[in-house]
Every structure is written in structure tokens, then in C-alpha cells.
Amino acid sequence: MRQTSSVLNLIFVGFNSRVVAMRRDTGQIVWKWKSPKGYSSFVAVMLDGDLLIVSVQGYMYGLDPETGSTIWSNPLSGLGYGTPCIASMRANSGSAGAAAIIAQQQQAAASAGAGA
């Protein structure tokens, strides 16, 4: 699975044991996902390249960011519950993530200009 331009046009929101993918330019809902465990809880989401990582109530899920389909799940047995923190070498979040994206776009534009 690889990240396509359609994923680049999505934002992901997690709340109340649900994840919603929305078009970033219109706010239109593209897909919805609900935790199969039925908990009403905080949801952490992280786009890790071509995989959307979701953590809710001690369970981890890997979702297809284009469709919301569950690719894998892991109950993290014995680790308990709490507010999750997710990190990956491939994923960025917050202002550091925005800065990295801008830097990548500038580098791509410079490379394209040099090759013209």
C-alpha cells in the first residue's frame, strides 16, 4: 500500500472511539470508523506514511487511510489503559510535522527547477 494524492487531501479526526476522514478543502466526510470494542473513549491518530495508526482504550489498530478499513489490530494485552502517545520515524505531527512537509515541498520544487 502506498500513499496516494487522495490521502494528501484528507484530514483525520479521532474522538469518542471513532475516526473520521474528511476532505481538507471542503470538510466533507469521506469515511467513518468506530472501534469494534464499543468503548466511548479518547482516540489518538497518527498518519504513518501509508498507514493510519489508531489507539483507543488500550487497543491499537492499523487502518487504510483511503478507506478506513482495518488492516490489523493488537490488544496490547497486559499493558492497561490510559491516554496514548504514538510516535514513529516515518510520521510527523504538530508544528514539527508541518515544518518537515514545507521543507520537503521546497526541496522538491528546487529539484524540479534544477532539472528543467
N, C-alpha and C. Protein backbone atom coordinates (compact mmCIF):
# COMPACT_ATOMS: atom_id res chain seq x y z
N MET A 1 0.85 -1.17 0.00
CA MET A 1 0.00 0.00 0.00
C MET A 1 0.89 1.24 0.00
N ARG A 2 0.57 2.24 -0.85
CA ARG A 2 1.35 3.45 -0.86
C ARG A 2 0.44 4.65 -0.73
N GLN A 3 0.98 5.72 -0.22
CA GLN A 3 0.19 6.92 -0.01
C GLN A 3 -0.09 7.59 -1.35
N THR A 4 -1.35 7.86 -1.64
CA THR A 4 -1.72 8.49 -2.89
C THR A 4 -2.09 9.94 -2.65
N SER A 5 -2.29 10.66 -3.75
CA SER A 5 -2.63 12.07 -3.62
C SER A 5 -3.97 12.25 -2.91
N SER A 6 -4.88 11.27 -3.01
CA SER A 6 -6.16 11.41 -2.32
C SER A 6 -5.97 11.45 -0.80
N VAL A 7 -5.00 10.72 -0.28
CA VAL A 7 -4.72 10.74 1.15
C VAL A 7 -4.14 12.10 1.55
N LEU A 8 -3.38 12.71 0.68
CA LEU A 8 -2.80 14.01 0.97
C LEU A 8 -3.88 15.08 1.10
N ASN A 9 -5.07 14.82 0.58
CA ASN A 9 -6.17 15.77 0.66
C ASN A 9 -7.14 15.47 1.79
N LEU A 10 -6.73 14.59 2.72
CA LEU A 10 -7.60 14.22 3.83
C LEU A 10 -7.05 14.72 5.15
N ILE A 11 -7.95 14.96 6.09
CA ILE A 11 -7.57 15.16 7.49
C ILE A 11 -8.29 14.08 8.28
N PHE A 12 -7.70 13.70 9.41
CA PHE A 12 -8.25 12.62 10.23
C PHE A 12 -8.51 13.15 11.63
N VAL A 13 -9.72 12.87 12.13
CA VAL A 13 -10.14 13.34 13.44
C VAL A 13 -10.55 12.13 14.27
N GLY A 14 -10.02 12.04 15.49
CA GLY A 14 -10.39 10.96 16.38
C GLY A 14 -11.09 11.49 17.61
N PHE A 15 -12.25 10.92 17.94
CA PHE A 15 -12.97 11.29 19.15
C PHE A 15 -14.04 10.24 19.44
N ASN A 16 -14.34 10.07 20.73
CA ASN A 16 -15.43 9.19 21.16
C ASN A 16 -15.37 7.80 20.50
N SER A 17 -14.18 7.20 20.51
CA SER A 17 -13.95 5.87 19.94
C SER A 17 -14.20 5.78 18.45
N ARG A 18 -14.13 6.92 17.76
CA ARG A 18 -14.36 6.96 16.32
C ARG A 18 -13.23 7.72 15.63
N VAL A 19 -13.06 7.42 14.36
CA VAL A 19 -12.17 8.19 13.50
C VAL A 19 -12.97 8.58 12.27
N VAL A 20 -12.79 9.82 11.85
CA VAL A 20 -13.46 10.33 10.67
C VAL A 20 -12.39 10.89 9.73
N ALA A 21 -12.48 10.53 8.46
CA ALA A 21 -11.63 11.12 7.43
C ALA A 21 -12.46 12.16 6.70
N MET A 22 -11.89 13.36 6.54
CA MET A 22 -12.60 14.45 5.88
C MET A 22 -11.73 15.07 4.80
N ARG A 23 -12.37 15.56 3.75
CA ARG A 23 -11.63 16.30 2.73
C ARG A 23 -11.18 17.61 3.37
N ARG A 24 -9.89 17.91 3.24
CA ARG A 24 -9.35 19.10 3.90
C ARG A 24 -9.83 20.38 3.25
N ASP A 25 -10.26 20.34 1.99
CA ASP A 25 -10.69 21.57 1.32
C ASP A 25 -12.18 21.87 1.49
N THR A 26 -12.99 20.86 1.81
CA THR A 26 -14.44 21.09 1.92
C THR A 26 -15.02 20.68 3.27
N GLY A 27 -14.31 19.83 4.02
CA GLY A 27 -14.86 19.30 5.27
C GLY A 27 -15.81 18.13 5.06
N GLN A 28 -15.98 17.70 3.83
CA GLN A 28 -16.87 16.57 3.52
C GLN A 28 -16.31 15.29 4.12
N ILE A 29 -17.17 14.51 4.77
CA ILE A 29 -16.76 13.23 5.35
C ILE A 29 -16.57 12.21 4.23
N VAL A 30 -15.41 11.55 4.23
CA VAL A 30 -15.08 10.54 3.23
C VAL A 30 -15.39 9.15 3.78
N TRP A 31 -15.00 8.89 5.03
CA TRP A 31 -15.33 7.62 5.68
C TRP A 31 -15.35 7.80 7.19
N LYS A 32 -16.01 6.84 7.87
CA LYS A 32 -16.08 6.82 9.34
C LYS A 32 -15.67 5.43 9.81
N TRP A 33 -15.01 5.38 10.95
CA TRP A 33 -14.61 4.11 11.56
C TRP A 33 -14.96 4.18 13.04
N LYS A 34 -15.46 3.09 13.60
CA LYS A 34 -15.77 3.02 15.03
C LYS A 34 -15.04 1.84 15.63
N SER A 35 -14.48 2.03 16.80
CA SER A 35 -13.78 0.95 17.49
C SER A 35 -14.72 -0.24 17.65
N PRO A 36 -14.28 -1.44 17.23
CA PRO A 36 -15.14 -2.62 17.35
C PRO A 36 -15.39 -3.03 18.79
N LYS A 37 -14.64 -2.48 19.73
CA LYS A 37 -14.82 -2.82 21.14
C LYS A 37 -15.94 -2.01 21.78
N GLY A 38 -16.46 -1.01 21.08
CA GLY A 38 -17.62 -0.27 21.56
C GLY A 38 -17.36 0.69 22.70
N TYR A 39 -16.11 0.96 23.04
CA TYR A 39 -15.81 1.89 24.12
C TYR A 39 -16.12 3.32 23.69
N SER A 40 -16.42 4.16 24.65
CA SER A 40 -16.54 5.59 24.40
C SER A 40 -15.32 6.22 25.06
N SER A 41 -14.32 6.51 24.26
CA SER A 41 -13.04 6.90 24.83
C SER A 41 -12.25 7.82 23.89
N PHE A 42 -11.19 8.38 24.45
CA PHE A 42 -10.24 9.20 23.70
C PHE A 42 -9.59 8.35 22.61
N VAL A 43 -9.38 8.95 21.45
CA VAL A 43 -8.75 8.26 20.33
C VAL A 43 -7.54 9.07 19.89
N ALA A 44 -6.40 8.40 19.79
CA ALA A 44 -5.20 9.03 19.23
C ALA A 44 -5.03 8.51 17.81
N VAL A 45 -4.71 9.41 16.88
CA VAL A 45 -4.49 9.02 15.49
C VAL A 45 -3.15 9.57 15.01
N MET A 46 -2.51 8.81 14.12
CA MET A 46 -1.25 9.24 13.54
C MET A 46 -1.15 8.66 12.14
N LEU A 47 -0.94 9.52 11.16
CA LEU A 47 -0.73 9.06 9.80
C LEU A 47 0.75 8.73 9.65
N ASP A 48 1.03 7.45 9.43
CA ASP A 48 2.40 6.95 9.32
C ASP A 48 2.62 6.49 7.88
N GLY A 49 2.83 7.46 6.98
CA GLY A 49 3.00 7.12 5.58
C GLY A 49 1.72 6.58 5.00
N ASP A 50 1.69 5.31 4.67
CA ASP A 50 0.52 4.69 4.05
C ASP A 50 -0.36 3.94 5.04
N LEU A 51 -0.21 4.23 6.33
CA LEU A 51 -0.99 3.56 7.36
C LEU A 51 -1.46 4.57 8.39
N LEU A 52 -2.74 4.51 8.76
CA LEU A 52 -3.27 5.35 9.81
C LEU A 52 -3.28 4.53 11.09
N ILE A 53 -2.49 4.95 12.06
CA ILE A 53 -2.40 4.25 13.34
C ILE A 53 -3.42 4.87 14.30
N VAL A 54 -4.23 4.01 14.93
CA VAL A 54 -5.27 4.46 15.84
C VAL A 54 -5.10 3.73 17.17
N SER A 55 -5.17 4.47 18.26
CA SER A 55 -5.12 3.87 19.59
C SER A 55 -6.35 4.31 20.37
N VAL A 56 -7.06 3.31 20.92
CA VAL A 56 -8.24 3.60 21.72
C VAL A 56 -8.39 2.54 22.80
N GLN A 57 -8.48 2.98 24.03
CA GLN A 57 -8.76 2.14 25.19
C GLN A 57 -7.85 0.92 25.29
N GLY A 58 -6.55 1.12 25.04
CA GLY A 58 -5.58 0.04 25.17
C GLY A 58 -5.43 -0.83 23.94
N TYR A 59 -6.19 -0.58 22.91
CA TYR A 59 -6.11 -1.34 21.66
C TYR A 59 -5.45 -0.48 20.59
N MET A 60 -4.70 -1.11 19.69
CA MET A 60 -4.08 -0.42 18.56
C MET A 60 -4.66 -1.00 17.27
N TYR A 61 -4.86 -0.12 16.31
CA TYR A 61 -5.38 -0.53 15.01
C TYR A 61 -4.56 0.12 13.91
N GLY A 62 -4.37 -0.59 12.82
CA GLY A 62 -3.79 -0.04 11.61
C GLY A 62 -4.88 0.03 10.57
N LEU A 63 -5.20 1.25 10.12
CA LEU A 63 -6.28 1.45 9.15
C LEU A 63 -5.73 1.90 7.81
N ASP A 64 -6.43 1.54 6.76
CA ASP A 64 -6.12 2.06 5.44
C ASP A 64 -6.62 3.50 5.43
N PRO A 65 -5.75 4.49 5.24
CA PRO A 65 -6.18 5.88 5.32
C PRO A 65 -7.14 6.31 4.20
N GLU A 66 -7.17 5.58 3.10
CA GLU A 66 -8.07 5.93 2.00
C GLU A 66 -9.49 5.43 2.22
N THR A 67 -9.62 4.29 2.92
CA THR A 67 -10.94 3.66 3.05
C THR A 67 -11.44 3.51 4.48
N GLY A 68 -10.53 3.55 5.46
CA GLY A 68 -10.91 3.31 6.84
C GLY A 68 -10.99 1.83 7.19
N SER A 69 -10.64 0.95 6.27
CA SER A 69 -10.67 -0.49 6.54
C SER A 69 -9.58 -0.87 7.53
N THR A 70 -9.90 -1.78 8.44
CA THR A 70 -8.92 -2.25 9.41
C THR A 70 -7.97 -3.22 8.73
N ILE A 71 -6.67 -2.93 8.81
CA ILE A 71 -5.64 -3.79 8.24
C ILE A 71 -5.13 -4.76 9.30
N TRP A 72 -4.94 -4.24 10.52
CA TRP A 72 -4.52 -5.08 11.63
C TRP A 72 -5.01 -4.49 12.94
N SER A 73 -4.99 -5.32 13.99
CA SER A 73 -5.33 -4.85 15.34
C SER A 73 -4.45 -5.60 16.34
N ASN A 74 -4.22 -4.95 17.47
CA ASN A 74 -3.41 -5.54 18.53
C ASN A 74 -3.98 -5.07 19.86
N PRO A 75 -4.39 -5.99 20.74
CA PRO A 75 -4.99 -5.58 22.01
C PRO A 75 -3.97 -5.12 23.06
N LEU A 76 -2.69 -5.21 22.76
CA LEU A 76 -1.65 -4.82 23.72
C LEU A 76 -1.95 -5.39 25.10
N SER A 77 -2.23 -6.68 25.13
CA SER A 77 -2.63 -7.38 26.35
C SER A 77 -1.65 -7.13 27.50
N GLY A 78 -2.23 -6.82 28.64
CA GLY A 78 -1.45 -6.65 29.86
C GLY A 78 -0.83 -5.28 30.04
N LEU A 79 -1.01 -4.36 29.09
CA LEU A 79 -0.39 -3.04 29.20
C LEU A 79 -1.30 -2.00 29.83
N GLY A 80 -2.58 -2.30 29.97
CA GLY A 80 -3.50 -1.39 30.64
C GLY A 80 -4.08 -0.33 29.72
N TYR A 81 -4.65 0.71 30.34
CA TYR A 81 -5.34 1.76 29.63
C TYR A 81 -4.72 3.10 29.99
N GLY A 82 -5.11 4.12 29.30
CA GLY A 82 -4.62 5.46 29.57
C GLY A 82 -4.60 6.28 28.29
N THR A 83 -4.12 7.49 28.38
CA THR A 83 -4.02 8.34 27.21
C THR A 83 -2.77 7.95 26.44
N PRO A 84 -2.93 7.52 25.19
CA PRO A 84 -1.79 7.02 24.42
C PRO A 84 -0.96 8.16 23.81
N CYS A 85 0.26 7.84 23.56
CA CYS A 85 1.17 8.70 22.82
C CYS A 85 1.77 7.82 21.73
N ILE A 86 1.69 8.25 20.47
CA ILE A 86 2.14 7.43 19.35
C ILE A 86 3.28 8.15 18.64
N ALA A 87 4.34 7.42 18.34
CA ALA A 87 5.48 8.01 17.63
C ALA A 87 6.03 7.00 16.64
N SER A 88 6.59 7.51 15.55
CA SER A 88 7.19 6.68 14.52
C SER A 88 8.25 7.49 13.81
N MET A 89 9.26 6.83 13.27
CA MET A 89 10.28 7.51 12.49
C MET A 89 9.71 8.09 11.20
N ARG A 90 8.62 7.51 10.70
CA ARG A 90 8.04 7.95 9.43
C ARG A 90 6.98 9.02 9.59
N ALA A 91 6.44 9.20 10.77
CA ALA A 91 5.33 10.12 10.96
C ALA A 91 5.77 11.40 11.64
N ASN A 92 5.11 12.47 11.31
CA ASN A 92 5.33 13.77 11.94
C ASN A 92 4.00 14.31 12.39
N SER A 93 4.02 15.07 13.46
CA SER A 93 2.79 15.70 13.93
C SER A 93 3.11 17.09 14.46
N GLY A 94 2.08 17.88 14.61
CA GLY A 94 2.25 19.21 15.16
C GLY A 94 3.06 20.12 14.27
N SER A 95 3.63 21.17 14.86
CA SER A 95 4.36 22.16 14.08
C SER A 95 5.63 21.57 13.48
N ALA A 96 6.23 20.59 14.14
CA ALA A 96 7.43 19.94 13.58
C ALA A 96 7.07 19.21 12.30
N GLY A 97 5.91 18.59 12.28
CA GLY A 97 5.45 17.90 11.09
C GLY A 97 5.17 18.87 9.95
N ALA A 98 4.54 19.98 10.27
CA ALA A 98 4.26 20.99 9.25
C ALA A 98 5.56 21.54 8.68
N ALA A 99 6.53 21.80 9.53
CA ALA A 99 7.82 22.30 9.06
C ALA A 99 8.52 21.29 8.16
N ALA A 100 8.41 20.01 8.50
CA ALA A 100 9.03 18.97 7.68
C ALA A 100 8.36 18.88 6.31
N ILE A 101 7.04 19.00 6.27
CA ILE A 101 6.32 18.95 5.00
C ILE A 101 6.70 20.14 4.12
N ILE A 102 6.76 21.32 4.71
CA ILE A 102 7.15 22.51 3.95
C ILE A 102 8.56 22.35 3.40
N ALA A 103 9.47 21.84 4.22
CA ALA A 103 10.86 21.63 3.77
C ALA A 103 10.91 20.64 2.61
N GLN A 104 10.13 19.56 2.69
CA GLN A 104 10.09 18.57 1.61
C GLN A 104 9.53 19.18 0.33
N GLN A 105 8.48 20.00 0.45
CA GLN A 105 7.90 20.64 -0.72
C GLN A 105 8.89 21.61 -1.36
N GLN A 106 9.62 22.37 -0.54
CA GLN A 106 10.60 23.31 -1.06
C GLN A 106 11.74 22.58 -1.76
N GLN A 107 12.17 21.46 -1.17
CA GLN A 107 13.24 20.68 -1.77
C GLN A 107 12.79 20.08 -3.11
N ALA A 108 11.55 19.58 -3.16
CA ALA A 108 11.02 19.02 -4.41
C ALA A 108 10.91 20.08 -5.48
N ALA A 109 10.47 21.29 -5.08
CA ALA A 109 10.34 22.38 -6.05
C ALA A 109 11.72 22.81 -6.57
N ALA A 110 12.72 22.84 -5.67
CA ALA A 110 14.07 23.21 -6.08
C ALA A 110 14.65 22.16 -7.02
N SER A 111 14.39 20.88 -6.72
CA SER A 111 14.89 19.79 -7.59
C SER A 111 14.23 19.84 -8.95
N ALA A 112 12.94 20.12 -8.98
CA ALA A 112 12.21 20.21 -10.24
C ALA A 112 12.72 21.39 -11.07
N GLY A 113 13.02 22.50 -10.40
CA GLY A 113 13.53 23.68 -11.09
C GLY A 113 14.93 23.46 -11.65
N ALA A 114 15.73 22.69 -10.93
CA ALA A 114 17.10 22.40 -11.38
C ALA A 114 17.11 21.48 -12.58
N GLY A 115 16.11 20.62 -12.68
CA GLY A 115 16.05 19.65 -13.76
C GLY A 115 15.40 20.21 -15.02
N ALA A 116 14.84 21.40 -14.92
CA ALA A 116 14.14 21.98 -16.09
C ALA A 116 15.08 22.59 -17.10
